[in-house]
Amino acid sequence: MDYYIVIVLSVIIIVSHFFNVISSKTNVPSVIMLLILGIGIKSVLDMAGYGASLGAIDRLGILPIIGTMGLILIVLEAALDLKLTKDKWPVIWRSFMVALLSLAATSTAVAYILEYLLFIDLFQAFLYAMPLSIMSSAIVIPSVANLKKENKEFMIYESTFSDILGIMAFYFMLGNNDGESAGMVAFGVTSNIILTVILSILISGALVWVFQKITTHVKLFLVIAILMLLYAIGKLAHFSSLVLILTFGLMLNNPELFFRGKLSGMVKVGNLKPLLRDFHIITLESAFVLRTFFFVIFGLTISLSSLLSIKVLLVSLSVIAATYLLRYIMIRIFKNEGMNPLLYITPRGLITVLLFFSIPAEYLSDDFDSGILLFAIIATSLIMTSAFISNGRKRGLEAPIGEEGDELESYLNEEGKAL
């Protein structure tokens, strides 16, 4: 039996690679193909009489674990791709504002839609609305590889900010549901953010310093393990640990910005460059594997029959309509030029599923069908794909791979495009 499991896992990774190749040629996100693969495997197991054993996946909580590890690596991968300079501040500022205001407006609109159509409590509605309002960096980051440089950076920043802000807001809601005053909640949120940023800068600086001092050959996965350990400890302490991951990646990729003045002697930028190259590749490859199994396993746990429900269809279409209407307003305000295809890049994915599985049992509602999540993920991904296909020729002219002549960037862009 062990050998059969090894064979299945190996075949899934191989098939996922070919999905990447197909994705790079057709602009169809590999996420959709991985979901279909998972659904297909489930159908085969059901026909073979092994469908009941799939319940073990839910009982063991495998999906949230893989999703959390994948999220850490995806955000780290994005941070390692971003250079912080003065000329990028407008992009960072606009992407942050779009992510923040979109999250606030969309979650509010979706919450009231869910309350009105499903007749659930408003607090429950907000808990369900938050995952449905977060843009998936797991889908966005690899999908925007061929956008022109400014739009690519804008989408990487926005999707990363959306992940971080969405996760923070979700857990803040859970932690402040006991009737405290709005002032107390606001104070708790603000103090948590400030403390998280300070700790993230201090810990990340120490990690970068230690990273360059390690002389053994086995050190890349050691650093990743330390980051995951700190992330888990931070979550247990109710901190926004994703900020730590983002800060570490930015420090590693921009040491000259963070280590200045008296701190400049702490790190040698020349020593970090080869480490950065290797670290970038290993995070890229690891994120690919975890992303593959996350969406395949998610496909194993969903039921397509829920998509046939009129209620699911009505709620899903209402949520999607509100999402794109509000995104049009935000893009129009903060980035009026180049509306297409940025308007259509707002897919739901890993974070949506991960936070959905994190809703405590006492807040779950039988009136909310998980098919709404599936519909939102598939629909937003297909809309994004259609926009990319219709603008494929323009994208190719605007952002040729390796345009700066850097071999590593060419390799990473090729792999990122496939993912």
Protein backbone atom coordinates (compact mmCIF):
# COMPACT_ATOMS: atom_id res chain seq x y z
CA MET A 1 0.00 0.00 0.00
CA ASP A 2 2.89 2.36 0.79
CA TYR A 3 4.22 2.01 -2.74
CA TYR A 4 0.83 2.85 -4.24
CA ILE A 5 0.71 6.06 -2.16
CA VAL A 6 4.20 7.00 -3.35
CA ILE A 7 3.15 6.36 -6.94
CA VAL A 8 0.00 8.49 -6.59
CA LEU A 9 1.85 11.40 -4.96
CA SER A 10 4.57 11.29 -7.62
CA VAL A 11 2.05 11.18 -10.46
CA ILE A 12 0.17 14.15 -9.01
CA ILE A 13 3.36 16.26 -8.98
CA ILE A 14 4.24 15.18 -12.54
CA VAL A 15 0.73 15.96 -13.78
CA SER A 16 0.86 19.32 -11.98
CA HIS A 17 4.03 20.14 -13.91
CA PHE A 18 2.25 19.47 -17.18
CA PHE A 19 -0.63 21.62 -15.96
CA ASN A 20 1.94 24.40 -15.56
CA VAL A 21 3.03 23.95 -19.16
CA ILE A 22 -0.58 24.05 -20.34
CA SER A 23 -1.20 27.10 -18.17
CA SER A 24 1.76 28.95 -19.69
CA LYS A 25 0.37 28.28 -23.19
CA THR A 26 -3.32 28.93 -22.54
CA ASN A 27 -3.32 31.34 -19.55
CA VAL A 28 -5.74 29.03 -17.74
CA PRO A 29 -4.67 28.96 -14.05
CA SER A 30 -3.30 25.60 -13.03
CA VAL A 31 -5.44 25.93 -9.90
CA ILE A 32 -8.55 25.16 -11.93
CA MET A 33 -6.91 22.09 -13.44
CA LEU A 34 -5.74 20.91 -10.01
CA LEU A 35 -9.27 21.27 -8.63
CA ILE A 36 -10.61 19.25 -11.57
CA LEU A 37 -7.94 16.63 -10.92
CA GLY A 38 -8.98 16.37 -7.28
CA ILE A 39 -12.65 16.09 -8.24
CA GLY A 40 -11.76 13.41 -10.81
CA ILE A 41 -9.80 11.39 -8.24
CA LYS A 42 -12.73 11.64 -5.85
CA SER A 43 -15.12 10.35 -8.54
CA VAL A 44 -12.84 7.39 -9.23
CA LEU A 45 -12.58 6.57 -5.50
CA ASP A 46 -16.37 6.84 -5.14
CA MET A 47 -16.91 4.38 -7.98
CA ALA A 48 -14.31 2.04 -6.48
CA GLY A 49 -16.07 2.15 -3.10
CA TYR A 50 -13.36 4.09 -1.28
CA GLY A 51 -15.17 7.43 -1.16
CA ALA A 52 -15.96 7.13 2.55
CA SER A 53 -12.24 7.06 3.39
CA LEU A 54 -11.92 10.65 2.16
CA GLY A 55 -13.49 11.78 5.42
CA ALA A 56 -10.15 11.07 7.09
CA ILE A 57 -8.75 14.13 5.31
CA ASP A 58 -11.15 16.40 7.18
CA ARG A 59 -10.64 14.63 10.49
CA LEU A 60 -6.86 14.89 10.30
CA GLY A 61 -6.99 18.56 9.30
CA ILE A 62 -4.51 18.00 6.47
CA LEU A 63 -5.85 20.81 4.27
CA PRO A 64 -5.33 23.67 6.76
CA ILE A 65 -1.80 22.45 7.56
CA ILE A 66 -0.75 22.31 3.91
CA GLY A 67 -2.50 25.60 3.25
CA THR A 68 -0.67 27.37 6.07
CA MET A 69 2.73 26.08 4.95
CA GLY A 70 1.95 27.00 1.36
CA LEU A 71 0.83 30.49 2.38
CA ILE A 72 4.10 31.12 4.23
CA LEU A 73 6.18 30.10 1.22
CA ILE A 74 4.01 32.00 -1.27
CA VAL A 75 4.29 35.27 0.67
CA LEU A 76 8.02 34.68 1.17
CA GLU A 77 8.40 34.02 -2.55
CA ALA A 78 6.61 37.28 -3.33
CA ALA A 79 8.73 39.28 -0.88
CA LEU A 80 11.93 37.91 -2.39
CA ASP A 81 10.79 39.29 -5.74
CA LEU A 82 10.23 42.86 -4.56
CA LYS A 83 12.82 45.63 -4.52
CA LEU A 84 12.04 48.61 -2.27
CA THR A 85 13.19 51.92 -3.69
CA LYS A 86 11.88 55.48 -3.53
CA ASP A 87 10.47 55.27 -7.03
CA LYS A 88 8.34 52.26 -5.98
CA TRP A 89 6.63 54.06 -3.11
CA PRO A 90 3.66 55.20 -5.26
CA VAL A 91 3.04 51.58 -6.31
CA ILE A 92 3.28 50.35 -2.73
CA TRP A 93 1.00 53.09 -1.40
CA ARG A 94 -1.67 52.64 -4.08
CA SER A 95 -1.65 48.85 -3.82
CA PHE A 96 -2.00 49.04 -0.03
CA MET A 97 -4.94 51.44 -0.24
CA VAL A 98 -6.67 49.35 -2.89
CA ALA A 99 -6.17 46.19 -0.81
CA LEU A 100 -7.36 47.83 2.43
CA LEU A 101 -10.40 49.64 1.05
CA SER A 102 -11.39 46.73 -1.19
CA LEU A 103 -11.26 44.36 1.74
CA ALA A 104 -13.33 46.65 3.96
CA ALA A 105 -15.94 47.50 1.32
CA THR A 106 -16.24 44.01 -0.15
CA SER A 107 -16.48 42.19 3.19
CA THR A 108 -19.18 44.62 4.33
CA ALA A 109 -21.18 44.27 1.11
CA VAL A 110 -20.81 40.46 1.06
CA ALA A 111 -21.76 40.20 4.75
CA TYR A 112 -25.04 42.04 4.17
CA ILE A 113 -25.71 39.92 1.07
CA LEU A 114 -25.23 36.74 3.11
CA GLU A 115 -27.36 38.08 5.95
CA TYR A 116 -30.17 39.04 3.58
CA LEU A 117 -30.15 35.93 1.36
CA LEU A 118 -29.22 33.26 3.91
CA PHE A 119 -30.89 34.77 7.02
CA ILE A 120 -27.81 34.24 9.17
CA ASP A 121 -26.51 36.34 12.06
CA LEU A 122 -24.55 39.45 10.96
CA PHE A 123 -21.42 38.43 12.88
CA GLN A 124 -21.54 34.99 11.25
CA ALA A 125 -22.07 36.70 7.91
CA PHE A 126 -18.90 38.77 8.41
CA LEU A 127 -16.91 35.64 9.30
CA TYR A 128 -18.01 34.02 6.04
CA ALA A 129 -17.65 37.26 4.07
CA MET A 130 -14.02 37.88 5.03
CA PRO A 131 -12.60 34.78 3.27
CA LEU A 132 -14.72 35.59 0.21
CA SER A 133 -13.29 39.12 0.11
CA ILE A 134 -9.57 38.25 0.11
CA MET A 135 -7.61 38.15 -3.12
CA SER A 136 -5.51 35.00 -3.42
CA SER A 137 -1.79 35.69 -3.76
CA ALA A 138 -1.38 31.96 -4.40
CA ILE A 139 -3.11 32.50 -7.75
CA VAL A 140 -2.19 36.11 -8.48
CA ILE A 141 1.58 35.98 -7.98
CA PRO A 142 2.30 33.22 -10.50
CA SER A 143 -0.36 34.46 -12.93
CA VAL A 144 0.97 38.00 -13.42
CA ALA A 145 4.46 37.04 -14.53
CA ASN A 146 3.98 38.54 -17.99
CA LEU A 147 2.30 41.80 -17.04
CA LYS A 148 4.38 44.91 -17.54
CA LYS A 149 6.68 45.55 -14.60
CA GLU A 150 4.63 48.24 -12.82
CA ASN A 151 1.36 46.31 -13.03
CA LYS A 152 3.07 43.09 -11.99
CA GLU A 153 4.54 44.73 -8.88
CA PHE A 154 1.21 46.41 -8.13
CA MET A 155 -0.61 43.07 -8.20
CA ILE A 156 2.05 41.28 -6.14
CA TYR A 157 1.89 43.98 -3.47
CA GLU A 158 -1.92 44.19 -3.54
CA SER A 159 -2.47 40.43 -3.29
CA THR A 160 0.10 40.12 -0.49
CA PHE A 161 -1.44 43.05 1.42
CA SER A 162 -4.89 41.53 0.84
CA ASP A 163 -3.74 38.23 2.37
CA ILE A 164 -2.14 39.90 5.38
CA LEU A 165 -4.93 42.39 6.06
CA GLY A 166 -7.63 39.77 5.50
CA ILE A 167 -6.10 37.28 7.89
CA MET A 168 -5.55 40.00 10.48
CA ALA A 169 -9.16 41.21 10.18
CA PHE A 170 -10.54 37.67 10.38
CA TYR A 171 -8.73 36.79 13.59
CA PHE A 172 -9.37 40.24 15.08
CA MET A 173 -13.09 39.62 14.59
CA LEU A 174 -12.83 36.26 16.33
CA GLY A 175 -10.82 37.76 19.17
CA ASN A 176 -13.15 40.72 19.75
CA ASN A 177 -16.59 39.13 19.57
CA ASP A 178 -17.43 39.50 23.26
CA GLY A 179 -19.16 42.86 23.10
CA GLU A 180 -16.21 45.17 23.84
CA SER A 181 -16.60 48.81 22.88
CA ALA A 182 -15.51 49.96 19.44
CA GLY A 183 -12.77 52.05 21.07
CA MET A 184 -11.31 49.04 22.85
CA VAL A 185 -11.39 46.98 19.69
CA ALA A 186 -9.70 49.77 17.72
CA PHE A 187 -7.02 50.15 20.42
CA GLY A 188 -6.42 46.39 20.44
CA VAL A 189 -6.09 46.26 16.67
CA THR A 190 -3.75 49.25 16.49
CA SER A 191 -1.50 48.10 19.33
CA ASN A 192 -1.34 44.59 17.86
CA ILE A 193 -0.28 45.93 14.47
CA ILE A 194 2.39 48.23 15.92
CA LEU A 195 3.81 45.50 18.17
CA THR A 196 3.76 42.99 15.31
CA VAL A 197 5.67 45.34 12.98
CA ILE A 198 8.30 46.14 15.62
CA LEU A 199 8.83 42.48 16.51
CA SER A 200 8.90 41.50 12.83
CA ILE A 201 11.66 44.01 12.06
CA LEU A 202 13.77 42.95 15.06
CA ILE A 203 13.35 39.20 14.50
CA SER A 204 13.81 39.44 10.73
CA GLY A 205 16.98 41.50 11.15
CA ALA A 206 18.39 38.89 13.52
CA LEU A 207 17.45 36.07 11.13
CA VAL A 208 19.14 37.74 8.16
CA TRP A 209 22.27 38.27 10.24
CA VAL A 210 22.26 34.63 11.37
CA PHE A 211 21.47 33.42 7.84
CA GLN A 212 24.68 34.90 6.39
CA LYS A 213 26.71 33.47 9.29
CA ILE A 214 25.63 29.85 8.73
CA THR A 215 28.46 28.00 6.97
CA THR A 216 26.97 24.51 6.74
CA HIS A 217 25.53 23.28 3.45
CA VAL A 218 22.14 22.49 5.00
CA LYS A 219 20.73 25.89 5.89
CA LEU A 220 17.94 26.88 3.50
CA PHE A 221 15.32 24.53 4.92
CA LEU A 222 16.64 25.34 8.39
CA VAL A 223 15.69 28.98 7.86
CA ILE A 224 12.31 27.99 6.39
CA ALA A 225 11.67 25.75 9.41
CA ILE A 226 12.54 28.63 11.76
CA LEU A 227 10.16 30.94 9.90
CA MET A 228 7.34 28.40 10.10
CA LEU A 229 8.06 27.88 13.81
CA LEU A 230 7.92 31.62 14.46
CA TYR A 231 4.75 31.92 12.37
CA ALA A 232 3.01 29.21 14.41
CA ILE A 233 4.17 30.69 17.73
CA GLY A 234 2.98 34.11 16.59
CA LYS A 235 -0.45 32.77 15.68
CA LEU A 236 -0.76 31.13 19.09
CA ALA A 237 0.07 34.52 20.62
CA HIS A 238 -2.53 36.17 18.37
CA PHE A 239 -0.01 38.16 16.34
CA SER A 240 -0.20 38.73 12.58
CA SER A 241 2.67 36.40 11.82
CA LEU A 242 2.44 36.88 8.07
CA VAL A 243 3.98 40.34 8.59
CA LEU A 244 7.10 38.60 9.91
CA ILE A 245 7.37 36.45 6.78
CA LEU A 246 6.93 39.46 4.51
CA THR A 247 9.45 41.54 6.48
CA PHE A 248 12.10 38.79 6.41
CA GLY A 249 11.77 38.39 2.65
CA LEU A 250 11.98 42.13 2.07
CA MET A 251 15.03 42.44 4.34
CA LEU A 252 16.79 39.58 2.59
CA ASN A 253 16.12 41.11 -0.81
CA ASN A 254 16.79 44.73 0.26
CA PRO A 255 19.59 44.56 2.89
CA GLU A 256 21.03 47.93 1.88
CA LEU A 257 17.73 49.60 2.81
CA PHE A 258 17.32 48.03 6.27
CA PHE A 259 20.96 47.76 7.36
CA ARG A 260 22.18 51.35 7.18
CA GLY A 261 24.45 53.56 9.24
CA LYS A 262 25.74 51.75 12.32
CA LEU A 263 23.89 48.59 11.21
CA SER A 264 25.63 48.43 7.82
CA GLY A 265 28.43 46.33 9.26
CA MET A 266 26.06 43.59 10.40
CA VAL A 267 25.61 42.09 6.94
CA LYS A 268 27.69 41.82 3.80
CA VAL A 269 25.46 42.36 0.80
CA GLY A 270 27.85 40.44 -1.44
CA ASN A 271 27.55 37.34 0.74
CA LEU A 272 23.75 37.48 0.65
CA LYS A 273 23.37 37.49 -3.15
CA PRO A 274 24.20 33.80 -3.78
CA LEU A 275 22.16 32.83 -0.71
CA LEU A 276 19.25 34.89 -2.02
CA ARG A 277 19.40 33.12 -5.38
CA ASP A 278 19.32 29.64 -3.84
CA PHE A 279 16.67 30.65 -1.32
CA HIS A 280 14.48 32.08 -4.04
CA ILE A 281 14.61 28.86 -6.05
CA ILE A 282 13.90 26.57 -3.10
CA THR A 283 10.91 28.63 -1.94
CA LEU A 284 9.58 28.64 -5.50
CA GLU A 285 9.85 24.86 -5.80
CA SER A 286 8.47 24.17 -2.32
CA ALA A 287 5.52 26.52 -2.85
CA PHE A 288 4.76 24.69 -6.09
CA VAL A 289 4.56 21.32 -4.32
CA LEU A 290 2.42 22.57 -1.44
CA ARG A 291 0.12 24.52 -3.77
CA THR A 292 -0.33 21.39 -5.87
CA PHE A 293 -1.42 19.16 -3.00
CA PHE A 294 -3.56 21.86 -1.37
CA PHE A 295 -5.83 22.33 -4.36
CA VAL A 296 -5.93 18.63 -5.24
CA ILE A 297 -6.97 17.76 -1.68
CA PHE A 298 -9.52 20.58 -1.71
CA GLY A 299 -10.93 19.06 -4.89
CA LEU A 300 -11.24 15.75 -3.04
CA THR A 301 -13.36 17.34 -0.32
CA ILE A 302 -15.91 19.28 -2.40
CA SER A 303 -19.17 18.22 -3.96
CA LEU A 304 -20.17 19.46 -7.40
CA SER A 305 -23.83 18.80 -6.66
CA SER A 306 -23.91 21.94 -4.53
CA LEU A 307 -23.33 24.03 -7.66
CA LEU A 308 -26.73 22.94 -8.95
CA SER A 309 -28.49 24.65 -6.07
CA ILE A 310 -30.45 27.79 -7.03
CA LYS A 311 -29.60 29.32 -3.65
CA VAL A 312 -25.88 28.73 -4.15
CA LEU A 313 -26.08 30.21 -7.64
CA LEU A 314 -27.98 33.30 -6.47
CA VAL A 315 -25.69 34.00 -3.52
CA SER A 316 -22.53 33.36 -5.54
CA LEU A 317 -23.54 35.63 -8.41
CA SER A 318 -24.50 38.39 -5.95
CA VAL A 319 -21.13 38.10 -4.18
CA ILE A 320 -19.19 38.13 -7.46
CA ALA A 321 -21.15 41.11 -8.82
CA ALA A 322 -20.45 43.12 -5.65
CA THR A 323 -16.78 42.12 -5.79
CA TYR A 324 -16.17 43.40 -9.32
CA LEU A 325 -18.30 46.51 -8.90
CA LEU A 326 -16.30 47.58 -5.83
CA ARG A 327 -13.00 46.65 -7.48
CA TYR A 328 -13.91 48.82 -10.47
CA ILE A 329 -14.43 51.77 -8.13
CA MET A 330 -11.11 51.19 -6.30
CA ILE A 331 -9.05 50.75 -9.47
CA ARG A 332 -10.76 53.77 -10.99
CA ILE A 333 -9.77 55.91 -8.00
CA PHE A 334 -6.22 54.73 -7.34
CA LYS A 335 -5.04 53.38 -10.71
CA ASN A 336 -7.22 54.74 -13.47
CA GLU A 337 -4.71 54.03 -16.20
CA GLY A 338 -4.51 50.43 -17.40
CA MET A 339 -7.88 49.26 -16.02
CA ASN A 340 -7.67 46.17 -18.20
CA PRO A 341 -6.70 43.52 -17.13
CA LEU A 342 -6.15 44.73 -13.53
CA LEU A 343 -9.91 45.09 -13.03
CA TYR A 344 -10.41 41.36 -13.55
CA ILE A 345 -7.50 40.13 -11.43
CA THR A 346 -9.16 39.39 -8.10
CA PRO A 347 -9.29 35.60 -7.78
CA ARG A 348 -10.27 33.76 -4.63
CA GLY A 349 -8.27 30.71 -3.63
CA LEU A 350 -6.02 29.37 -0.89
CA ILE A 351 -6.79 31.97 1.80
CA THR A 352 -10.52 31.72 1.11
CA VAL A 353 -10.46 27.99 1.76
CA LEU A 354 -7.99 28.22 4.64
CA LEU A 355 -10.00 30.78 6.61
CA PHE A 356 -13.26 28.97 5.88
CA PHE A 357 -11.86 25.88 7.59
CA SER A 358 -10.70 28.10 10.48
CA ILE A 359 -14.21 29.26 11.42
CA PRO A 360 -14.96 27.85 14.92
CA ALA A 361 -17.71 25.24 15.11
CA GLU A 362 -19.95 27.50 17.22
CA TYR A 363 -20.11 30.04 14.38
CA LEU A 364 -20.78 27.61 11.55
CA SER A 365 -24.17 27.83 9.85
CA ASP A 366 -26.00 25.07 8.02
CA ASP A 367 -27.45 27.74 5.73
CA PHE A 368 -24.03 28.50 4.21
CA ASP A 369 -23.14 25.98 1.50
CA SER A 370 -19.45 25.38 0.75
CA GLY A 371 -20.44 25.37 -2.92
CA ILE A 372 -20.41 29.18 -2.68
CA LEU A 373 -16.66 29.01 -2.06
CA LEU A 374 -16.13 26.67 -4.98
CA PHE A 375 -18.25 28.84 -7.29
CA ALA A 376 -16.35 32.00 -6.25
CA ILE A 377 -12.94 30.36 -6.77
CA ILE A 378 -13.79 28.92 -10.19
CA ALA A 379 -15.67 32.00 -11.46
CA THR A 380 -13.07 34.60 -10.42
CA SER A 381 -10.24 32.45 -11.81
CA LEU A 382 -12.01 32.00 -15.15
CA ILE A 383 -12.80 35.72 -15.38
CA MET A 384 -9.13 36.49 -14.75
CA THR A 385 -8.13 33.91 -17.35
CA SER A 386 -10.45 35.41 -19.97
CA ALA A 387 -8.93 38.84 -19.35
CA PHE A 388 -5.41 37.46 -19.76
CA ILE A 389 -6.29 35.59 -22.94
CA SER A 390 -7.92 38.67 -24.50
CA ASN A 391 -4.82 40.71 -23.68
CA GLY A 392 -2.27 37.98 -24.30
CA ARG A 393 -0.58 39.61 -27.26
CA LYS A 394 -0.28 42.94 -25.46
CA ARG A 395 1.16 41.25 -22.37
CA GLY A 396 3.77 39.51 -24.44
CA LEU A 397 4.95 42.78 -25.93
CA GLU A 398 4.97 44.66 -22.64
CA ALA A 399 6.88 42.20 -20.51
CA PRO A 400 9.22 39.92 -22.45
CA ILE A 401 10.87 37.38 -20.22
CA GLY A 402 14.41 38.20 -19.23
CA GLU A 403 14.17 41.73 -20.60
CA GLU A 404 16.90 42.87 -18.22
CA GLY A 405 19.21 40.05 -19.20
CA ASP A 406 19.29 38.45 -15.80
CA GLU A 407 19.46 34.67 -16.06
CA LEU A 408 17.96 34.01 -12.65
CA GLU A 409 15.04 36.37 -13.33
CA SER A 410 14.43 34.61 -16.64
CA TYR A 411 14.33 31.24 -14.92
CA LEU A 412 12.10 32.47 -12.09
CA ASN A 413 9.73 34.22 -14.48
CA GLU A 414 9.43 31.07 -16.59
CA GLU A 415 8.72 28.94 -13.54
CA GLY A 416 6.39 31.55 -12.03
CA LYS A 417 4.45 31.78 -15.28
CA ALA A 418 4.02 28.02 -15.27
CA LEU A 419 2.81 27.99 -11.67
